């Protein structure tokens, strides 16, 4: 038996091109902005109560909250443009991140199961997600967020079908 371990030229490895990725629904952007602003409103309400009982000036809480709202309104649309998913013949990929870019690719032969999820705000905006669980643990799992309900169900069914074919 002859053992071979040939060198592979890095220039000939296929790449995931940016234009290949499917963009997410625009409603997902509005859902993310809404959820963060709701959280900041809740935090400002707690800050107002605290400053009322502690007899502090409310402006100490107001300016950081307004700054955070402004940051959310600027950051989320920029980060949304980076997000996307790609379904190929042997794997599924998801990319995200403006400051810290992350791209996860999961081959179908590593997938254990796949689930569809739609939260409370997701129902209001008709946004769902598909989570892919792998044999590699939590760090190799993949979650595709920002899909319509119908697209998420189709994607889950398709991934499940393809992963069972690769066993």
Protein backbone atom coordinates (compact mmCIF):
# COMPACT_ATOMS: atom_id res chain seq x y z
CA UNK A 1 0.00 0.00 0.00
CA UNK A 2 1.43 3.35 -1.08
CA UNK A 3 0.63 6.42 1.00
CA UNK A 4 0.30 9.66 -0.93
CA UNK A 5 -0.26 13.13 0.43
CA UNK A 6 0.00 15.46 -2.53
CA UNK A 7 0.25 19.21 -2.26
CA UNK A 8 -2.83 21.21 -3.30
CA UNK A 9 -2.30 24.59 -4.93
CA UNK A 10 -4.23 27.19 -2.92
CA UNK A 11 -5.07 29.16 -6.08
CA UNK A 12 -7.13 26.28 -7.48
CA UNK A 13 -9.42 25.87 -4.47
CA UNK A 14 -12.97 27.05 -5.24
CA UNK A 15 -14.06 30.15 -3.31
CA UNK A 16 -17.38 31.44 -2.10
CA UNK A 17 -17.87 34.64 -4.05
CA UNK A 18 -19.69 37.53 -2.40
CA UNK A 19 -22.31 37.78 -5.14
CA UNK A 20 -23.27 34.12 -4.71
CA UNK A 21 -24.82 34.70 -1.29
CA UNK A 22 -28.57 35.21 -0.99
CA UNK A 23 -29.50 38.36 0.89
CA UNK A 24 -31.93 38.27 3.79
CA UNK A 25 -35.39 39.85 3.91
CA UNK A 26 -35.38 43.59 4.55
CA UNK A 27 -37.99 43.08 7.27
CA UNK A 28 -35.27 41.35 9.27
CA UNK A 29 -33.38 44.64 9.42
CA UNK A 30 -36.48 46.42 10.73
CA UNK A 31 -37.05 43.65 13.27
CA UNK A 32 -33.48 43.93 14.58
CA UNK A 33 -33.69 47.72 14.87
CA UNK A 34 -37.09 47.48 16.58
CA UNK A 35 -35.95 44.86 19.08
CA UNK A 36 -32.86 46.84 20.05
CA UNK A 37 -34.78 50.10 20.40
CA UNK A 38 -37.43 48.34 22.52
CA UNK A 39 -34.65 47.03 24.76
CA UNK A 40 -33.13 50.51 25.06
CA UNK A 41 -36.55 52.00 25.88
CA UNK A 42 -36.96 49.39 28.60
CA UNK A 43 -33.49 50.20 29.93
CA UNK A 44 -34.25 53.93 29.89
CA UNK A 45 -37.47 53.27 31.83
CA UNK A 46 -35.51 51.41 34.49
CA UNK A 47 -32.95 54.22 34.51
CA UNK A 48 -35.75 56.78 34.94
CA UNK A 49 -37.19 54.86 37.88
CA UNK A 50 -33.78 54.51 39.45
CA UNK A 51 -33.01 58.21 39.06
CA UNK A 52 -36.44 59.10 40.45
CA UNK A 53 -35.94 57.04 43.60
CA UNK A 54 -32.27 57.98 43.99
CA UNK A 55 -33.06 61.65 43.23
CA UNK A 56 -30.52 61.82 40.41
CA UNK A 57 -30.71 63.89 37.27
CA UNK A 58 -32.31 61.80 34.49
CA UNK A 59 -29.90 63.24 31.91
CA UNK A 60 -27.20 60.91 33.20
CA UNK A 61 -29.24 58.04 31.79
CA UNK A 62 -30.78 59.80 28.81
CA UNK A 63 -27.66 60.72 26.84
CA UNK A 64 -26.09 57.23 26.80
CA UNK A 65 -29.46 55.74 25.76
CA UNK A 66 -29.84 58.26 22.94
CA UNK A 67 -26.27 57.54 21.85
CA UNK A 68 -27.01 53.82 21.81
CA UNK A 69 -30.17 54.38 19.74
CA UNK A 70 -28.16 56.43 17.25
CA UNK A 71 -25.52 53.71 17.13
CA UNK A 72 -28.19 51.05 16.45
CA UNK A 73 -29.72 53.13 13.65
CA UNK A 74 -26.30 53.53 11.99
CA UNK A 75 -24.76 50.10 12.68
CA UNK A 76 -27.65 47.74 11.86
CA UNK A 77 -28.19 48.81 8.20
CA UNK A 78 -24.45 48.58 7.55
CA UNK A 79 -24.18 45.14 9.17
CA UNK A 80 -27.32 43.93 7.36
CA UNK A 81 -25.66 44.38 3.96
CA UNK A 82 -22.97 41.86 4.93
CA UNK A 83 -25.34 39.08 6.03
CA UNK A 84 -26.38 36.30 3.68
CA UNK A 85 -26.65 32.57 3.12
CA UNK A 86 -25.61 30.20 0.36
CA UNK A 87 -26.96 26.76 -0.38
CA UNK A 88 -24.71 24.61 -2.55
CA UNK A 89 -24.72 21.01 -3.66
CA UNK A 90 -22.75 19.66 -0.67
CA UNK A 91 -22.97 22.38 1.99
CA UNK A 92 -24.74 25.43 3.38
CA UNK A 93 -22.99 28.67 4.37
CA UNK A 94 -23.96 31.77 6.36
CA UNK A 95 -21.97 34.97 6.70
CA UNK A 96 -22.40 37.84 9.13
CA UNK A 97 -20.49 40.59 10.85
CA UNK A 98 -19.43 44.11 10.08
CA UNK A 99 -16.71 44.58 12.69
CA UNK A 100 -16.03 40.89 13.28
CA UNK A 101 -16.71 38.95 10.07
CA UNK A 102 -17.80 35.35 10.45
CA UNK A 103 -18.59 32.83 7.75
CA UNK A 104 -19.69 29.34 8.67
CA UNK A 105 -19.98 26.50 6.18
CA UNK A 106 -21.47 23.17 7.17
CA UNK A 107 -21.23 20.13 4.87
CA UNK A 108 -24.41 18.06 4.68
CA UNK A 109 -22.70 14.89 5.85
CA UNK A 110 -22.01 16.58 9.25
CA UNK A 111 -25.63 17.64 9.89
CA UNK A 112 -27.48 15.77 12.61
CA UNK A 113 -30.77 17.63 12.44
CA UNK A 114 -32.29 20.91 11.35
CA UNK A 115 -35.07 23.02 12.91
CA UNK A 116 -37.26 25.95 12.00
CA UNK A 117 -37.89 28.72 14.55
CA UNK A 118 -40.05 31.84 14.67
CA UNK A 119 -40.15 34.03 17.77
CA UNK A 120 -42.65 36.65 18.91
CA UNK A 121 -41.15 39.55 16.93
CA UNK A 122 -40.54 37.13 14.08
CA UNK A 123 -44.28 36.48 13.86
CA UNK A 124 -45.00 40.20 13.76
CA UNK A 125 -42.49 40.75 10.95
CA UNK A 126 -43.03 37.32 9.29
CA UNK A 127 -39.37 36.45 9.87
CA UNK A 128 -38.07 32.99 10.73
CA UNK A 129 -34.77 31.20 11.15
CA UNK A 130 -33.35 27.78 10.39
CA UNK A 131 -30.87 26.23 12.79
CA UNK A 132 -28.58 23.44 11.62
CA UNK A 133 -27.10 21.18 14.29
CA UNK A 134 -23.88 19.34 13.53
CA UNK A 135 -21.86 16.54 15.02
CA UNK A 136 -19.12 19.02 15.89
CA UNK A 137 -20.88 20.72 18.81
CA UNK A 138 -22.18 24.24 19.37
CA UNK A 139 -19.27 26.01 17.70
CA UNK A 140 -19.94 24.35 14.36
CA UNK A 141 -23.73 24.81 14.40
CA UNK A 142 -25.22 27.17 11.86
CA UNK A 143 -28.19 29.49 12.22
CA UNK A 144 -29.68 31.24 9.18
CA UNK A 145 -31.81 34.15 10.38
CA UNK A 146 -33.86 36.66 8.43
CA UNK A 147 -35.86 34.38 6.14
CA UNK A 148 -39.56 34.49 5.36
CA UNK A 149 -41.59 31.74 7.01
CA UNK A 150 -42.12 29.93 3.71
CA UNK A 151 -38.44 30.19 2.74
CA UNK A 152 -37.33 28.94 6.16
CA UNK A 153 -39.60 25.89 5.96
CA UNK A 154 -38.42 25.14 2.40
CA UNK A 155 -34.77 25.56 3.42
CA UNK A 156 -35.18 23.32 6.47
CA UNK A 157 -36.89 20.61 4.41
CA UNK A 158 -34.28 20.83 1.66
CA UNK A 159 -31.35 20.68 4.09
CA UNK A 160 -32.93 17.74 5.90
CA UNK A 161 -33.46 15.92 2.60
CA UNK A 162 -29.90 16.56 1.40
CA UNK A 163 -28.31 15.69 4.75
CA UNK A 164 -30.14 12.37 4.88
CA UNK A 165 -28.93 11.58 1.35
CA UNK A 166 -25.30 12.12 2.47
CA UNK A 167 -25.35 9.63 5.34
